[in-house]
C-alpha cells in the first residue's frame, strides 16, 4: 500500500482528467494505487 498526500492525490486525479479518464475511472485507479477496495466489492472486482 502506497501513501500519498492529498495534494499528490489531487495532482493524480488532475492528470487522469487530462488523459480523458472519467471521474469514476480516475478514482478506481487511485484506489488501486493506494491498495484500497470499495466496501462490499469482491476481490475479483478489485482486481479488474
N, C-alpha and C. Protein backbone atom coordinates (compact mmCIF):
# COMPACT_ATOMS: atom_id res chain seq x y z
N UNK A 1 0.85 -1.18 0.00
CA UNK A 1 0.00 0.00 0.00
C UNK A 1 0.89 1.24 0.00
N UNK A 2 0.61 2.13 -0.91
CA UNK A 2 1.38 3.35 -1.06
C UNK A 2 0.69 4.49 -0.30
N UNK A 3 1.49 5.41 0.21
CA UNK A 3 0.92 6.58 0.88
C UNK A 3 1.06 7.79 -0.01
N UNK A 4 0.03 8.64 -0.02
CA UNK A 4 0.04 9.87 -0.81
C UNK A 4 -0.57 10.99 0.03
N UNK A 5 -0.06 12.20 -0.18
CA UNK A 5 -0.68 13.35 0.47
C UNK A 5 -1.91 13.73 -0.33
N UNK A 6 -2.77 14.57 0.23
CA UNK A 6 -3.97 14.97 -0.51
C UNK A 6 -3.60 15.77 -1.75
N UNK A 7 -2.48 16.51 -1.70
CA UNK A 7 -2.03 17.26 -2.88
C UNK A 7 -1.59 16.31 -3.99
N UNK A 8 -0.90 15.22 -3.61
CA UNK A 8 -0.49 14.23 -4.60
C UNK A 8 -1.69 13.53 -5.21
N UNK A 9 -2.68 13.23 -4.38
CA UNK A 9 -3.90 12.59 -4.89
C UNK A 9 -4.61 13.52 -5.87
N UNK A 10 -4.71 14.81 -5.53
CA UNK A 10 -5.37 15.76 -6.40
C UNK A 10 -4.60 15.90 -7.71
N UNK A 11 -3.28 15.95 -7.64
CA UNK A 11 -2.45 16.03 -8.85
C UNK A 11 -2.69 14.82 -9.73
N UNK A 12 -2.76 13.63 -9.13
CA UNK A 12 -3.01 12.41 -9.88
C UNK A 12 -4.37 12.47 -10.57
N UNK A 13 -5.40 12.90 -9.83
CA UNK A 13 -6.74 12.99 -10.42
C UNK A 13 -6.77 14.01 -11.55
N UNK A 14 -6.05 15.11 -11.41
CA UNK A 14 -5.97 16.10 -12.49
C UNK A 14 -5.29 15.51 -13.73
N UNK A 15 -4.23 14.74 -13.53
CA UNK A 15 -3.55 14.09 -14.64
C UNK A 15 -4.47 13.11 -15.35
N UNK A 16 -5.23 12.36 -14.56
CA UNK A 16 -6.19 11.42 -15.14
C UNK A 16 -7.24 12.16 -15.98
N UNK A 17 -7.69 13.30 -15.50
CA UNK A 17 -8.67 14.10 -16.24
C UNK A 17 -8.08 14.59 -17.55
N UNK A 18 -6.82 15.00 -17.53
CA UNK A 18 -6.16 15.45 -18.76
C UNK A 18 -6.01 14.32 -19.76
N UNK A 19 -5.86 13.10 -19.26
CA UNK A 19 -5.76 11.93 -20.14
C UNK A 19 -7.12 11.54 -20.73
N UNK A 20 -8.19 12.10 -20.17
CA UNK A 20 -9.53 11.79 -20.67
C UNK A 20 -10.25 10.71 -19.90
N UNK A 21 -9.73 10.32 -18.76
CA UNK A 21 -10.40 9.32 -17.92
C UNK A 21 -11.66 9.92 -17.30
N UNK A 22 -12.66 9.08 -17.12
CA UNK A 22 -13.84 9.55 -16.40
C UNK A 22 -13.49 9.68 -14.93
N UNK A 23 -14.31 10.39 -14.18
CA UNK A 23 -14.07 10.56 -12.76
C UNK A 23 -14.05 9.22 -12.05
N UNK A 24 -14.98 8.34 -12.43
CA UNK A 24 -15.04 7.01 -11.81
C UNK A 24 -13.78 6.22 -12.10
N UNK A 25 -13.32 6.24 -13.34
CA UNK A 25 -12.08 5.53 -13.69
C UNK A 25 -10.90 6.08 -12.91
N UNK A 26 -10.83 7.40 -12.79
CA UNK A 26 -9.73 8.02 -12.07
C UNK A 26 -9.72 7.60 -10.61
N UNK A 27 -10.89 7.63 -9.97
CA UNK A 27 -10.97 7.21 -8.56
C UNK A 27 -10.65 5.73 -8.41
N UNK A 28 -11.12 4.92 -9.34
CA UNK A 28 -10.84 3.48 -9.28
C UNK A 28 -9.34 3.23 -9.40
N UNK A 29 -8.68 3.93 -10.32
CA UNK A 29 -7.24 3.79 -10.50
C UNK A 29 -6.49 4.26 -9.25
N UNK A 30 -6.92 5.37 -8.67
CA UNK A 30 -6.29 5.88 -7.46
C UNK A 30 -6.45 4.88 -6.31
N UNK A 31 -7.64 4.32 -6.17
CA UNK A 31 -7.86 3.32 -5.12
C UNK A 31 -6.96 2.11 -5.33
N UNK A 32 -6.77 1.72 -6.57
CA UNK A 32 -5.91 0.59 -6.89
C UNK A 32 -4.47 0.89 -6.48
N UNK A 33 -3.99 2.10 -6.78
CA UNK A 33 -2.64 2.50 -6.40
C UNK A 33 -2.47 2.47 -4.89
N UNK A 34 -3.49 2.94 -4.18
CA UNK A 34 -3.42 3.02 -2.73
C UNK A 34 -3.71 1.68 -2.05
N UNK A 35 -4.15 0.70 -2.83
CA UNK A 35 -4.45 -0.62 -2.27
C UNK A 35 -5.77 -0.67 -1.53
N UNK A 36 -6.69 0.21 -1.90
CA UNK A 36 -8.00 0.26 -1.25
C UNK A 36 -9.01 -0.54 -2.05
N UNK A 37 -10.03 -1.06 -1.37
CA UNK A 37 -11.11 -1.80 -2.00
C UNK A 37 -12.41 -1.16 -1.58
N UNK A 38 -13.29 -0.95 -2.53
CA UNK A 38 -14.59 -0.37 -2.23
C UNK A 38 -15.36 -1.33 -1.33
N UNK A 39 -15.96 -0.84 -0.26
CA UNK A 39 -16.70 -1.72 0.66
C UNK A 39 -17.77 -2.52 -0.07
N UNK A 40 -17.81 -3.79 0.21
CA UNK A 40 -18.81 -4.66 -0.39
C UNK A 40 -18.38 -5.28 -1.70
N UNK A 41 -17.23 -4.85 -2.25
CA UNK A 41 -16.78 -5.44 -3.50
C UNK A 41 -15.99 -6.72 -3.21
N UNK A 42 -15.95 -7.60 -4.18
CA UNK A 42 -15.21 -8.85 -4.02
C UNK A 42 -13.77 -8.63 -4.47
N UNK A 43 -12.90 -9.55 -4.15
CA UNK A 43 -11.52 -9.43 -4.57
C UNK A 43 -11.40 -9.49 -6.08
N UNK A 44 -12.31 -10.19 -6.76
CA UNK A 44 -12.30 -10.26 -8.23
C UNK A 44 -12.62 -8.90 -8.82
N UNK A 45 -13.59 -8.19 -8.26
CA UNK A 45 -13.94 -6.86 -8.76
C UNK A 45 -12.79 -5.90 -8.51
N UNK A 46 -12.10 -6.04 -7.42
CA UNK A 46 -10.99 -5.15 -7.08
C UNK A 46 -9.83 -5.33 -8.04
N UNK A 47 -9.64 -6.53 -8.56
CA UNK A 47 -8.52 -6.77 -9.46
C UNK A 47 -8.81 -6.36 -10.90
N UNK A 48 -10.04 -6.03 -11.22
CA UNK A 48 -10.40 -5.61 -12.59
C UNK A 48 -9.90 -4.25 -12.93
